[in-house]
Amino acid sequence: MSEIFLDTETTGLSYAEGHRIVEVACIETKDLIPTSKVFHKLVNPERDVTQDAFAVHGYSYDFLKTKNKFSEIADELLKFIEGKKIIIHNAKFDLGFLNSELKKCKKKIISENDVIDSLELARSKFPGTPNSLDALCKKYNIDLSRRKKHNALLDCELLREVYINILEQKEPKLSFFNNQVEKDQVPKIKNEKNYCKKVVSISQEDLNLHKSFIKKELKKNFY
């Protein structure tokens, strides 16, 4: 199963008040392991950025006005996320902005059925406690030292780590087996990903040399 971790930054808090997207980022994973495929665009919002929003992400309109408009990146974004499970923290916010932009350029909107909201998962797991991305990173001891300002791409990376912890998954481990063992004979371990690596056979000559070496070392050190 392929997943997309998605995040946006905006000119303000409400698309209903005419605020727009200034940054959109997606990281693709396969069974929660990054595939190295990334979508990341800074966007010309075609309007000013509020002071509050600028304080959060640091993108001014003067900086953004030379970037592509959302209508110019929409097809590429839709192709990148097509057919994949989309994971967003506080999905109502990002999805509202994304679908507002997609409607403006007459593109297909993103269905809520394709989206998992990690904020809702966190609220179910930790009711009555702060569940912002920052708060969850601190809860799970995830390094926030790089997060001087909000950045959509970095927040996608942090979200992946948070999501793995929310699901109580483990980072992938390697399973080693020799040529005689088939993949389907490797035991399935819950919440672990199995990767296969060929083990090189040791010749009898090498084994004999090793035994001889061990005997010499034991005799030298203990007799």
N, C-alpha and C. Protein backbone atom coordinates (compact mmCIF):
# COMPACT_ATOMS: atom_id res chain seq x y z
N MET A 1 0.84 -1.20 0.00
CA MET A 1 0.00 0.00 0.00
C MET A 1 0.87 1.24 0.00
N SER A 2 0.60 2.15 -0.92
CA SER A 2 1.33 3.42 -0.98
C SER A 2 0.56 4.49 -0.22
N GLU A 3 1.32 5.31 0.51
CA GLU A 3 0.71 6.41 1.26
C GLU A 3 1.33 7.73 0.83
N ILE A 4 0.59 8.80 1.05
CA ILE A 4 1.09 10.15 0.84
C ILE A 4 0.93 10.92 2.14
N PHE A 5 2.01 11.47 2.65
CA PHE A 5 1.94 12.40 3.78
C PHE A 5 1.92 13.81 3.20
N LEU A 6 0.90 14.57 3.54
CA LEU A 6 0.67 15.85 2.86
C LEU A 6 0.54 16.98 3.88
N ASP A 7 1.06 18.15 3.51
CA ASP A 7 0.92 19.34 4.35
C ASP A 7 0.92 20.58 3.48
N THR A 8 0.26 21.63 3.96
CA THR A 8 0.24 22.92 3.25
C THR A 8 0.57 24.05 4.21
N GLU A 9 0.97 25.17 3.65
CA GLU A 9 1.04 26.45 4.36
C GLU A 9 0.19 27.44 3.58
N THR A 10 -0.37 28.43 4.26
CA THR A 10 -1.35 29.32 3.63
C THR A 10 -1.12 30.79 4.00
N THR A 11 -1.90 31.66 3.34
CA THR A 11 -1.80 33.10 3.62
C THR A 11 -2.56 33.49 4.87
N GLY A 12 -3.44 32.63 5.34
CA GLY A 12 -4.27 32.91 6.51
C GLY A 12 -5.01 31.67 6.93
N LEU A 13 -5.97 31.83 7.83
CA LEU A 13 -6.60 30.67 8.44
C LEU A 13 -7.86 30.18 7.73
N SER A 14 -8.47 30.99 6.85
CA SER A 14 -9.76 30.61 6.28
C SER A 14 -9.80 30.78 4.77
N TYR A 15 -9.99 29.66 4.05
CA TYR A 15 -10.16 29.76 2.59
C TYR A 15 -11.47 30.45 2.24
N ALA A 16 -12.47 30.37 3.16
CA ALA A 16 -13.76 31.03 2.92
C ALA A 16 -13.61 32.55 2.89
N GLU A 17 -12.56 33.05 3.51
CA GLU A 17 -12.29 34.49 3.52
C GLU A 17 -11.31 34.88 2.42
N GLY A 18 -11.05 33.95 1.51
CA GLY A 18 -10.21 34.26 0.36
C GLY A 18 -8.73 33.97 0.53
N HIS A 19 -8.36 33.30 1.62
CA HIS A 19 -6.95 32.98 1.80
C HIS A 19 -6.56 31.81 0.90
N ARG A 20 -5.26 31.75 0.57
CA ARG A 20 -4.78 30.82 -0.45
C ARG A 20 -3.59 30.02 0.06
N ILE A 21 -3.26 28.99 -0.68
CA ILE A 21 -2.10 28.14 -0.38
C ILE A 21 -0.82 28.82 -0.86
N VAL A 22 0.24 28.75 -0.03
CA VAL A 22 1.55 29.28 -0.42
C VAL A 22 2.60 28.18 -0.57
N GLU A 23 2.30 27.00 -0.01
CA GLU A 23 3.24 25.88 -0.09
C GLU A 23 2.46 24.59 0.04
N VAL A 24 2.83 23.61 -0.77
CA VAL A 24 2.23 22.27 -0.63
C VAL A 24 3.33 21.24 -0.79
N ALA A 25 3.32 20.24 0.09
CA ALA A 25 4.36 19.20 0.05
C ALA A 25 3.72 17.84 0.27
N CYS A 26 4.27 16.85 -0.41
CA CYS A 26 3.83 15.46 -0.25
C CYS A 26 5.07 14.56 -0.24
N ILE A 27 5.07 13.59 0.65
CA ILE A 27 6.10 12.56 0.67
C ILE A 27 5.41 11.22 0.44
N GLU A 28 5.87 10.46 -0.55
CA GLU A 28 5.30 9.15 -0.82
C GLU A 28 6.03 8.09 0.00
N THR A 29 5.25 7.17 0.57
CA THR A 29 5.83 6.03 1.27
C THR A 29 5.17 4.75 0.77
N LYS A 30 5.85 3.65 0.97
CA LYS A 30 5.31 2.32 0.67
C LYS A 30 5.34 1.54 1.97
N ASP A 31 4.16 1.23 2.51
CA ASP A 31 4.07 0.61 3.83
C ASP A 31 4.83 1.44 4.87
N LEU A 32 4.68 2.76 4.73
CA LEU A 32 5.23 3.77 5.65
C LEU A 32 6.74 3.97 5.50
N ILE A 33 7.36 3.35 4.50
CA ILE A 33 8.79 3.53 4.24
C ILE A 33 8.94 4.50 3.06
N PRO A 34 9.70 5.61 3.22
CA PRO A 34 9.84 6.57 2.12
C PRO A 34 10.35 5.93 0.85
N THR A 35 9.74 6.30 -0.27
CA THR A 35 10.14 5.77 -1.57
C THR A 35 11.14 6.69 -2.27
N SER A 36 11.39 7.85 -1.72
CA SER A 36 12.23 8.92 -2.28
C SER A 36 11.46 9.81 -3.27
N LYS A 37 10.18 9.51 -3.51
CA LYS A 37 9.37 10.37 -4.38
C LYS A 37 8.75 11.47 -3.53
N VAL A 38 8.99 12.72 -3.95
CA VAL A 38 8.54 13.89 -3.19
C VAL A 38 7.91 14.90 -4.14
N PHE A 39 6.83 15.50 -3.70
CA PHE A 39 6.23 16.63 -4.42
C PHE A 39 6.32 17.83 -3.50
N HIS A 40 6.96 18.92 -3.96
CA HIS A 40 7.10 20.10 -3.12
C HIS A 40 7.09 21.35 -3.99
N LYS A 41 6.12 22.24 -3.72
CA LYS A 41 6.01 23.46 -4.51
C LYS A 41 5.71 24.65 -3.60
N LEU A 42 6.42 25.75 -3.86
CA LEU A 42 6.01 27.04 -3.33
C LEU A 42 5.07 27.66 -4.35
N VAL A 43 4.05 28.36 -3.89
CA VAL A 43 2.96 28.79 -4.76
C VAL A 43 2.73 30.29 -4.64
N ASN A 44 2.52 30.94 -5.79
CA ASN A 44 2.11 32.34 -5.82
C ASN A 44 0.63 32.40 -5.42
N PRO A 45 0.33 33.00 -4.26
CA PRO A 45 -1.06 33.00 -3.78
C PRO A 45 -1.92 34.08 -4.44
N GLU A 46 -1.29 34.94 -5.21
CA GLU A 46 -2.00 36.03 -5.91
C GLU A 46 -2.71 36.97 -4.94
N ARG A 47 -2.18 37.08 -3.76
CA ARG A 47 -2.70 38.00 -2.75
C ARG A 47 -1.66 38.15 -1.64
N ASP A 48 -1.90 39.06 -0.71
CA ASP A 48 -0.96 39.30 0.37
C ASP A 48 -1.00 38.17 1.39
N VAL A 49 0.07 38.09 2.18
CA VAL A 49 0.18 37.12 3.28
C VAL A 49 -0.03 37.88 4.58
N THR A 50 -0.90 37.38 5.44
CA THR A 50 -1.13 38.06 6.72
C THR A 50 0.13 38.02 7.58
N GLN A 51 0.21 38.98 8.49
CA GLN A 51 1.36 39.03 9.39
C GLN A 51 1.43 37.79 10.27
N ASP A 52 0.28 37.32 10.71
CA ASP A 52 0.26 36.12 11.56
C ASP A 52 0.78 34.90 10.78
N ALA A 53 0.35 34.76 9.53
CA ALA A 53 0.81 33.64 8.71
C ALA A 53 2.30 33.75 8.42
N PHE A 54 2.76 34.97 8.12
CA PHE A 54 4.18 35.18 7.85
C PHE A 54 5.03 34.80 9.06
N ALA A 55 4.51 35.11 10.26
CA ALA A 55 5.24 34.76 11.48
C ALA A 55 5.37 33.25 11.64
N VAL A 56 4.41 32.50 11.09
CA VAL A 56 4.42 31.04 11.21
C VAL A 56 5.40 30.41 10.22
N HIS A 57 5.29 30.81 8.92
CA HIS A 57 6.10 30.12 7.91
C HIS A 57 7.20 30.96 7.26
N GLY A 58 7.12 32.29 7.37
CA GLY A 58 8.19 33.14 6.87
C GLY A 58 8.17 33.42 5.38
N TYR A 59 7.07 33.08 4.68
CA TYR A 59 6.97 33.35 3.23
C TYR A 59 6.19 34.64 2.99
N SER A 60 6.84 35.62 2.40
CA SER A 60 6.18 36.88 2.08
C SER A 60 5.65 36.85 0.65
N TYR A 61 4.71 37.74 0.34
CA TYR A 61 4.19 37.79 -1.02
C TYR A 61 5.29 38.20 -2.00
N ASP A 62 6.16 39.11 -1.58
CA ASP A 62 7.27 39.53 -2.46
C ASP A 62 8.12 38.33 -2.87
N PHE A 63 8.33 37.40 -1.96
CA PHE A 63 9.11 36.20 -2.24
C PHE A 63 8.32 35.24 -3.13
N LEU A 64 7.02 35.13 -2.90
CA LEU A 64 6.20 34.13 -3.57
C LEU A 64 5.68 34.55 -4.95
N LYS A 65 5.66 35.83 -5.24
CA LYS A 65 4.99 36.30 -6.45
C LYS A 65 5.63 35.82 -7.75
N THR A 66 6.85 35.32 -7.69
CA THR A 66 7.51 34.80 -8.90
C THR A 66 7.31 33.28 -9.05
N LYS A 67 6.65 32.67 -8.08
CA LYS A 67 6.44 31.22 -8.12
C LYS A 67 5.23 30.89 -9.01
N ASN A 68 5.08 29.61 -9.32
CA ASN A 68 3.92 29.17 -10.10
C ASN A 68 2.63 29.36 -9.32
N LYS A 69 1.55 29.66 -10.04
CA LYS A 69 0.23 29.70 -9.42
C LYS A 69 -0.26 28.27 -9.19
N PHE A 70 -1.24 28.13 -8.30
CA PHE A 70 -1.73 26.78 -7.99
C PHE A 70 -2.27 26.10 -9.24
N SER A 71 -2.93 26.86 -10.10
CA SER A 71 -3.50 26.27 -11.33
C SER A 71 -2.43 25.65 -12.21
N GLU A 72 -1.18 26.11 -12.06
CA GLU A 72 -0.08 25.61 -12.88
C GLU A 72 0.56 24.34 -12.30
N ILE A 73 0.24 24.04 -11.06
CA ILE A 73 0.81 22.82 -10.43
C ILE A 73 -0.26 21.78 -10.12
N ALA A 74 -1.52 22.12 -10.33
CA ALA A 74 -2.63 21.27 -9.90
C ALA A 74 -2.58 19.88 -10.52
N ASP A 75 -2.35 19.80 -11.83
CA ASP A 75 -2.33 18.50 -12.50
C ASP A 75 -1.21 17.61 -11.97
N GLU A 76 -0.05 18.21 -11.75
CA GLU A 76 1.08 17.44 -11.23
C GLU A 76 0.79 16.92 -9.83
N LEU A 77 0.16 17.75 -9.01
CA LEU A 77 -0.21 17.32 -7.65
C LEU A 77 -1.22 16.18 -7.69
N LEU A 78 -2.26 16.32 -8.49
CA LEU A 78 -3.29 15.29 -8.57
C LEU A 78 -2.73 13.97 -9.07
N LYS A 79 -1.81 14.03 -10.01
CA LYS A 79 -1.18 12.81 -10.52
C LYS A 79 -0.33 12.15 -9.44
N PHE A 80 0.33 12.96 -8.63
CA PHE A 80 1.22 12.44 -7.58
C PHE A 80 0.44 11.69 -6.51
N ILE A 81 -0.75 12.18 -6.17
CA ILE A 81 -1.51 11.58 -5.07
C ILE A 81 -2.53 10.55 -5.54
N GLU A 82 -2.69 10.41 -6.83
CA GLU A 82 -3.76 9.56 -7.37
C GLU A 82 -3.64 8.11 -6.89
N GLY A 83 -4.76 7.57 -6.40
CA GLY A 83 -4.82 6.17 -6.02
C GLY A 83 -4.08 5.81 -4.75
N LYS A 84 -3.68 6.80 -3.96
CA LYS A 84 -2.91 6.54 -2.75
C LYS A 84 -3.66 7.02 -1.51
N LYS A 85 -3.38 6.39 -0.40
CA LYS A 85 -3.95 6.82 0.88
C LYS A 85 -3.24 8.10 1.30
N ILE A 86 -4.01 9.14 1.63
CA ILE A 86 -3.44 10.45 1.96
C ILE A 86 -3.57 10.67 3.47
N ILE A 87 -2.46 10.97 4.11
CA ILE A 87 -2.44 11.18 5.56
C ILE A 87 -2.11 12.64 5.83
N ILE A 88 -3.01 13.31 6.54
CA ILE A 88 -2.88 14.74 6.83
C ILE A 88 -3.16 14.97 8.31
N HIS A 89 -2.42 15.86 8.93
CA HIS A 89 -2.69 16.22 10.33
C HIS A 89 -3.60 17.44 10.32
N ASN A 90 -4.79 17.29 10.90
CA ASN A 90 -5.85 18.30 10.83
C ASN A 90 -6.32 18.44 9.38
N ALA A 91 -6.82 17.34 8.86
CA ALA A 91 -7.18 17.25 7.44
C ALA A 91 -8.23 18.27 7.03
N LYS A 92 -9.14 18.62 7.92
CA LYS A 92 -10.19 19.57 7.57
C LYS A 92 -9.60 20.88 7.06
N PHE A 93 -8.51 21.32 7.68
CA PHE A 93 -7.86 22.58 7.29
C PHE A 93 -7.23 22.46 5.89
N ASP A 94 -6.33 21.50 5.73
CA ASP A 94 -5.60 21.38 4.47
C ASP A 94 -6.52 20.99 3.31
N LEU A 95 -7.43 20.07 3.58
CA LEU A 95 -8.33 19.61 2.52
C LEU A 95 -9.26 20.73 2.08
N GLY A 96 -9.69 21.56 3.03
CA GLY A 96 -10.53 22.71 2.68
C GLY A 96 -9.81 23.65 1.72
N PHE A 97 -8.56 23.96 2.02
CA PHE A 97 -7.77 24.84 1.16
C PHE A 97 -7.49 24.19 -0.20
N LEU A 98 -7.11 22.92 -0.18
CA LEU A 98 -6.79 22.23 -1.44
C LEU A 98 -8.00 22.17 -2.36
N ASN A 99 -9.15 21.79 -1.83
CA ASN A 99 -10.34 21.68 -2.66
C ASN A 99 -10.85 23.04 -3.12
N SER A 100 -10.63 24.06 -2.30
CA SER A 100 -10.97 25.42 -2.74
C SER A 100 -10.13 25.83 -3.94
N GLU A 101 -8.84 25.52 -3.89
CA GLU A 101 -7.94 25.83 -5.01
C GLU A 101 -8.30 25.00 -6.24
N LEU A 102 -8.60 23.72 -6.04
CA LEU A 102 -8.94 22.83 -7.17
C LEU A 102 -10.24 23.28 -7.85
N LYS A 103 -11.20 23.74 -7.06
CA LYS A 103 -12.44 24.24 -7.63
C LYS A 103 -12.20 25.49 -8.47
N LYS A 104 -11.29 26.35 -7.97
CA LYS A 104 -10.98 27.59 -8.70
C LYS A 104 -10.45 27.29 -10.10
N CYS A 105 -9.67 26.22 -10.23
CA CYS A 105 -9.10 25.90 -11.55
C CYS A 105 -9.84 24.74 -12.22
N LYS A 106 -11.08 24.48 -11.72
CA LYS A 106 -11.97 23.50 -12.35
C LYS A 106 -11.34 22.10 -12.47
N LYS A 107 -10.70 21.68 -11.38
CA LYS A 107 -10.10 20.34 -11.32
C LYS A 107 -10.90 19.47 -10.35
N LYS A 108 -10.70 18.17 -10.44
CA LYS A 108 -11.37 17.23 -9.57
C LYS A 108 -10.92 17.44 -8.12
N ILE A 109 -11.86 17.53 -7.20
CA ILE A 109 -11.49 17.74 -5.79
C ILE A 109 -11.07 16.41 -5.16
N ILE A 110 -10.42 16.51 -4.02
CA ILE A 110 -9.94 15.34 -3.28
C ILE A 110 -11.04 14.86 -2.34
N SER A 111 -11.39 13.59 -2.42
CA SER A 111 -12.46 13.04 -1.59
C SER A 111 -11.97 12.81 -0.16
N GLU A 112 -12.85 13.10 0.80
CA GLU A 112 -12.53 12.82 2.20
C GLU A 112 -12.31 11.33 2.43
N ASN A 113 -12.91 10.51 1.59
CA ASN A 113 -12.76 9.05 1.72
C ASN A 113 -11.34 8.58 1.46
N ASP A 114 -10.54 9.42 0.77
CA ASP A 114 -9.16 9.06 0.46
C ASP A 114 -8.18 9.54 1.52
N VAL A 115 -8.70 10.19 2.57
CA VAL A 115 -7.85 10.88 3.54
C VAL A 115 -7.99 10.27 4.93
N ILE A 116 -6.85 10.11 5.60
CA ILE A 116 -6.81 9.74 7.02
C ILE A 116 -6.33 10.96 7.80
N ASP A 117 -7.08 11.35 8.81
CA ASP A 117 -6.71 12.50 9.63
C ASP A 117 -5.98 12.02 10.87
N SER A 118 -4.67 12.25 10.91
CA SER A 118 -3.87 11.79 12.05
C SER A 118 -4.22 12.54 13.33
N LEU A 119 -4.79 13.75 13.20
CA LEU A 119 -5.22 14.48 14.40
C LEU A 119 -6.37 13.75 15.08
N GLU A 120 -7.32 13.25 14.28
CA GLU A 120 -8.44 12.50 14.86
C GLU A 120 -7.95 11.22 15.53
N LEU A 121 -6.98 10.55 14.91
CA LEU A 121 -6.41 9.34 15.52
C LEU A 121 -5.75 9.68 16.86
N ALA A 122 -5.00 10.79 16.88
CA ALA A 122 -4.31 11.20 18.10
C ALA A 122 -5.31 11.58 19.19
N ARG A 123 -6.39 12.26 18.82
CA ARG A 123 -7.41 12.64 19.81
C ARG A 123 -8.08 11.41 20.41
N SER A 124 -8.26 10.38 19.59
CA SER A 124 -8.85 9.14 20.10
C SER A 124 -7.91 8.44 21.08
N LYS A 125 -6.62 8.53 20.77
CA LYS A 125 -5.62 7.84 21.61
C LYS A 125 -5.28 8.64 22.86
N PHE A 126 -5.26 9.98 22.73
CA PHE A 126 -4.89 10.84 23.87
C PHE A 126 -5.97 11.90 24.10
N PRO A 127 -7.15 11.49 24.51
CA PRO A 127 -8.24 12.46 24.71
C PRO A 127 -7.91 13.47 25.80
N GLY A 128 -8.28 14.73 25.54
CA GLY A 128 -8.10 15.76 26.56
C GLY A 128 -6.70 16.30 26.70
N THR A 129 -5.79 15.92 25.78
CA THR A 129 -4.41 16.44 25.83
C THR A 129 -4.09 17.14 24.51
N PRO A 130 -3.08 18.04 24.49
CA PRO A 130 -2.70 18.71 23.24
C PRO A 130 -2.24 17.68 22.20
N ASN A 131 -2.74 17.80 20.98
CA ASN A 131 -2.39 16.85 19.93
C ASN A 131 -1.95 17.53 18.65
N SER A 132 -1.38 18.72 18.79
CA SER A 132 -0.76 19.37 17.63
C SER A 132 0.44 18.55 17.20
N LEU A 133 0.95 18.81 16.00
CA LEU A 133 2.13 18.08 15.52
C LEU A 133 3.31 18.31 16.47
N ASP A 134 3.49 19.54 16.93
CA ASP A 134 4.56 19.83 17.89
C ASP A 134 4.40 19.02 19.16
N ALA A 135 3.18 19.00 19.69
CA ALA A 135 2.92 18.30 20.95
C ALA A 135 3.17 16.80 20.82
N LEU A 136 2.77 16.24 19.69
CA LEU A 136 2.97 14.80 19.47
C LEU A 136 4.44 14.46 19.27
N CYS A 137 5.17 15.34 18.58
CA CYS A 137 6.61 15.12 18.43
C CYS A 137 7.29 15.09 19.80
N LYS A 138 6.90 16.00 20.68
CA LYS A 138 7.48 16.02 22.02
C LYS A 138 7.07 14.77 22.81
N LYS A 139 5.83 14.35 22.64
CA LYS A 139 5.34 13.16 23.33
C LYS A 139 6.13 11.92 22.94
N TYR A 140 6.49 11.85 21.64
CA TYR A 140 7.19 10.67 21.12
C TYR A 140 8.70 10.89 21.00
N ASN A 141 9.22 11.98 21.59
CA ASN A 141 10.66 12.27 21.57
C ASN A 141 11.22 12.35 20.15
N ILE A 142 10.47 12.98 19.25
CA ILE A 142 10.91 13.19 17.87
C ILE A 142 11.61 14.54 17.79
N ASP A 143 12.78 14.57 17.19
CA ASP A 143 13.62 15.77 17.16
C ASP A 143 12.93 16.91 16.41
N LEU A 144 12.75 18.04 17.10
CA LEU A 144 12.13 19.23 16.50
C LEU A 144 13.13 20.35 16.27
N SER A 145 14.41 20.06 16.41
CA SER A 145 15.41 21.13 16.36
C SER A 145 15.48 21.82 15.00
N ARG A 146 15.08 21.12 13.93
CA ARG A 146 15.12 21.73 12.59
C ARG A 146 13.91 22.63 12.32
N ARG A 147 12.92 22.58 13.18
CA ARG A 147 11.65 23.26 12.91
C ARG A 147 11.66 24.68 13.49
N LYS A 148 12.45 25.55 12.88
CA LYS A 148 12.50 26.94 13.31
C LYS A 148 11.23 27.67 12.88
N LYS A 149 10.75 27.38 11.67
CA LYS A 149 9.50 27.89 11.12
C LYS A 149 8.72 26.70 10.59
N HIS A 150 7.40 26.88 10.41
CA HIS A 150 6.62 25.82 9.78
C HIS A 150 7.06 25.68 8.32
N ASN A 151 7.27 24.47 7.91
CA ASN A 151 7.71 24.17 6.54
C ASN A 151 6.98 22.90 6.12
N ALA A 152 6.23 22.97 5.01
CA ALA A 152 5.36 21.86 4.63
C ALA A 152 6.13 20.56 4.43
N LEU A 153 7.30 20.63 3.81
CA LEU A 153 8.06 19.42 3.53
C LEU A 153 8.59 18.79 4.82
N LEU A 154 9.16 19.60 5.70
CA LEU A 154 9.65 19.08 6.98
C LEU A 154 8.50 18.54 7.81
N ASP A 155 7.35 19.22 7.77
CA ASP A 155 6.21 18.76 8.56
C ASP A 155 5.69 17.41 8.06
N CYS A 156 5.82 17.14 6.76
CA CYS A 156 5.47 15.82 6.23
C CYS A 156 6.38 14.75 6.82
N GLU A 157 7.67 15.04 6.91
CA GLU A 157 8.62 14.09 7.47
C GLU A 157 8.31 13.82 8.95
N LEU A 158 8.02 14.90 9.69
CA LEU A 158 7.69 14.75 11.10
C LEU A 158 6.38 13.98 11.27
N LEU A 159 5.41 14.27 10.40
CA LEU A 159 4.12 13.58 10.47
C LEU A 159 4.27 12.08 10.26
N ARG A 160 5.15 11.68 9.35
CA ARG A 160 5.36 10.24 9.12
C ARG A 160 5.84 9.57 10.40
N GLU A 161 6.79 10.20 11.09
CA GLU A 161 7.31 9.63 12.33
C GLU A 161 6.22 9.57 13.41
N VAL A 162 5.42 10.64 13.50
CA VAL A 162 4.33 10.68 14.47
C VAL A 162 3.31 9.59 14.16
N TYR A 163 2.96 9.46 12.90
CA TYR A 163 1.93 8.49 12.48
C TYR A 163 2.36 7.06 12.81
N ILE A 164 3.62 6.74 12.56
CA ILE A 164 4.14 5.41 12.90
C ILE A 164 3.99 5.15 14.39
N ASN A 165 4.26 6.17 15.19
CA ASN A 165 4.13 6.01 16.64
C ASN A 165 2.67 5.89 17.08
N ILE A 166 1.79 6.67 16.46
CA ILE A 166 0.36 6.59 16.80
C ILE A 166 -0.16 5.17 16.54
N LEU A 167 0.27 4.59 15.43
CA LEU A 167 -0.17 3.24 15.08
C LEU A 167 0.59 2.16 15.84
N GLU A 168 1.59 2.61 16.63
CA GLU A 168 2.46 1.69 17.37
C GLU A 168 3.16 0.72 16.44
N GLN A 169 3.54 1.24 15.27
CA GLN A 169 4.34 0.46 14.34
C GLN A 169 5.79 0.52 14.77
N LYS A 170 6.61 -0.36 14.16
CA LYS A 170 8.04 -0.34 14.40
C LYS A 170 8.74 0.01 13.10
N GLU A 171 9.90 0.61 13.21
CA GLU A 171 10.69 0.88 12.00
C GLU A 171 11.08 -0.46 11.38
N PRO A 172 11.25 -0.51 10.06
CA PRO A 172 11.53 -1.77 9.36
C PRO A 172 12.77 -2.49 9.90
N LYS A 173 12.69 -3.81 9.94
CA LYS A 173 13.83 -4.63 10.33
C LYS A 173 14.17 -5.57 9.19
N LEU A 174 15.41 -6.02 9.16
CA LEU A 174 15.85 -6.93 8.10
C LEU A 174 15.69 -8.38 8.53
N SER A 175 15.22 -9.21 7.63
CA SER A 175 15.16 -10.65 7.85
C SER A 175 16.17 -11.32 6.94
N PHE A 176 17.10 -12.08 7.51
CA PHE A 176 18.12 -12.74 6.71
C PHE A 176 17.77 -14.21 6.54
N PHE A 177 17.90 -14.72 5.33
CA PHE A 177 17.71 -16.15 5.12
C PHE A 177 18.56 -16.58 3.94
N ASN A 178 18.84 -17.88 3.87
CA ASN A 178 19.75 -18.36 2.84
C ASN A 178 19.02 -18.74 1.56
N ASN A 179 19.76 -19.23 0.58
CA ASN A 179 19.20 -19.51 -0.73
C ASN A 179 18.11 -20.58 -0.71
N GLN A 180 18.16 -21.49 0.27
CA GLN A 180 17.22 -22.60 0.29
C GLN A 180 15.84 -22.21 0.84
N VAL A 181 15.77 -21.06 1.49
CA VAL A 181 14.51 -20.65 2.12
C VAL A 181 13.75 -19.71 1.20
N GLU A 182 12.52 -20.04 0.91
CA GLU A 182 11.69 -19.21 0.05
C GLU A 182 11.12 -18.05 0.85
N LYS A 183 10.80 -16.96 0.15
CA LYS A 183 10.25 -15.79 0.81
C LYS A 183 8.99 -16.11 1.61
N ASP A 184 8.10 -16.95 1.02
CA ASP A 184 6.84 -17.21 1.69
C ASP A 184 6.98 -18.11 2.91
N GLN A 185 8.22 -18.60 3.17
CA GLN A 185 8.47 -19.40 4.36
C GLN A 185 8.94 -18.56 5.53
N VAL A 186 9.24 -17.27 5.25
CA VAL A 186 9.67 -16.39 6.33
C VAL A 186 8.46 -16.07 7.20
N PRO A 187 8.56 -16.24 8.51
CA PRO A 187 7.40 -15.99 9.38
C PRO A 187 6.96 -14.54 9.30
N LYS A 188 5.64 -14.32 9.29
CA LYS A 188 5.08 -12.98 9.30
C LYS A 188 5.10 -12.44 10.72
N ILE A 189 5.70 -11.30 10.91
CA ILE A 189 5.79 -10.70 12.24
C ILE A 189 4.90 -9.47 12.26
N LYS A 190 3.97 -9.42 13.17
CA LYS A 190 3.02 -8.31 13.23
C LYS A 190 3.75 -6.99 13.42
N ASN A 191 3.34 -5.98 12.61
CA ASN A 191 3.86 -4.61 12.70
C ASN A 191 5.33 -4.49 12.35
N GLU A 192 5.89 -5.47 11.66
CA GLU A 192 7.26 -5.35 11.20
C GLU A 192 7.28 -5.59 9.71
N LYS A 193 8.16 -4.87 9.01
CA LYS A 193 8.34 -5.05 7.58
C LYS A 193 9.55 -5.95 7.37
N ASN A 194 9.44 -6.94 6.48
CA ASN A 194 10.52 -7.89 6.26
C ASN A 194 11.21 -7.64 4.93
N TYR A 195 12.50 -7.51 4.98
CA TYR A 195 13.30 -7.35 3.78
C TYR A 195 14.21 -8.56 3.66
N CYS A 196 14.52 -8.95 2.46
CA CYS A 196 15.25 -10.18 2.24
C CYS A 196 16.69 -9.89 1.80
N LYS A 197 17.62 -10.59 2.40
CA LYS A 197 19.02 -10.42 2.03
C LYS A 197 19.67 -11.78 1.94
N LYS A 198 20.40 -12.03 0.86
CA LYS A 198 21.05 -13.31 0.66
C LYS A 198 22.23 -13.47 1.62
N VAL A 199 22.32 -14.63 2.26
CA VAL A 199 23.44 -14.93 3.15
C VAL A 199 24.45 -15.78 2.39
N VAL A 200 25.70 -15.36 2.41
CA VAL A 200 26.75 -16.06 1.69
C VAL A 200 27.15 -17.32 2.46
N SER A 201 27.21 -18.46 1.79
CA SER A 201 27.61 -19.72 2.43
C SER A 201 29.11 -19.71 2.72
N ILE A 202 29.50 -20.35 3.85
CA ILE A 202 30.90 -20.43 4.24
C ILE A 202 31.41 -21.82 3.87
N SER A 203 32.54 -21.86 3.21
CA SER A 203 33.09 -23.15 2.77
C SER A 203 33.61 -23.94 3.97
N GLN A 204 33.73 -25.26 3.78
CA GLN A 204 34.26 -26.13 4.84
C GLN A 204 35.70 -25.77 5.16
N GLU A 205 36.43 -25.38 4.14
CA GLU A 205 37.84 -24.99 4.34
C GLU A 205 37.93 -23.78 5.26
N ASP A 206 37.05 -22.80 5.05
CA ASP A 206 37.05 -21.61 5.91
C ASP A 206 36.65 -21.98 7.33
N LEU A 207 35.70 -22.88 7.49
CA LEU A 207 35.27 -23.31 8.82
C LEU A 207 36.42 -24.00 9.56
N ASN A 208 37.17 -24.85 8.84
CA ASN A 208 38.31 -25.55 9.45
C ASN A 208 39.40 -24.58 9.88
N LEU A 209 39.67 -23.58 9.04
CA LEU A 209 40.67 -22.57 9.39
C LEU A 209 40.24 -21.78 10.63
N HIS A 210 38.93 -21.47 10.69
CA HIS A 210 38.41 -20.73 11.84
C HIS A 210 38.55 -21.55 13.13
N LYS A 211 38.21 -22.85 13.06
CA LYS A 211 38.33 -23.72 14.23
C LYS A 211 39.77 -23.82 14.70
N SER A 212 40.69 -23.91 13.74
CA SER A 212 42.11 -24.00 14.07
C SER A 212 42.59 -22.73 14.76
N PHE A 213 42.14 -21.59 14.26
CA PHE A 213 42.51 -20.30 14.85
C PHE A 213 42.01 -20.21 16.30
N ILE A 214 40.75 -20.61 16.52
CA ILE A 214 40.17 -20.55 17.87
C ILE A 214 40.95 -21.44 18.84
N LYS A 215 41.32 -22.64 18.39
CA LYS A 215 42.08 -23.56 19.25
C LYS A 215 43.42 -22.96 19.65
N LYS A 216 44.10 -22.34 18.68
CA LYS A 216 45.41 -21.72 18.96
C LYS A 216 45.26 -20.60 19.96
N GLU A 217 44.22 -19.74 19.78
CA GLU A 217 44.02 -18.61 20.68
C GLU A 217 43.68 -19.09 22.10
N LEU A 218 42.86 -20.13 22.21
CA LEU A 218 42.51 -20.65 23.53
C LEU A 218 43.75 -21.23 24.22
N LYS A 219 44.56 -21.98 23.47
CA LYS A 219 45.76 -22.59 24.03
C LYS A 219 46.74 -21.53 24.49
N LYS A 220 46.84 -20.44 23.69
CA LYS A 220 47.79 -19.37 23.99
C LYS A 220 47.37 -18.60 25.23
N ASN A 221 46.08 -18.41 25.44
CA ASN A 221 45.60 -17.54 26.51
C ASN A 221 45.24 -18.27 27.80
N PHE A 222 44.96 -19.57 27.70
CA PHE A 222 44.48 -20.25 28.89
C PHE A 222 45.33 -21.44 29.32
N TYR A 223 46.36 -21.77 28.57
CA TYR A 223 47.20 -22.92 28.96
C TYR A 223 48.66 -22.49 29.11
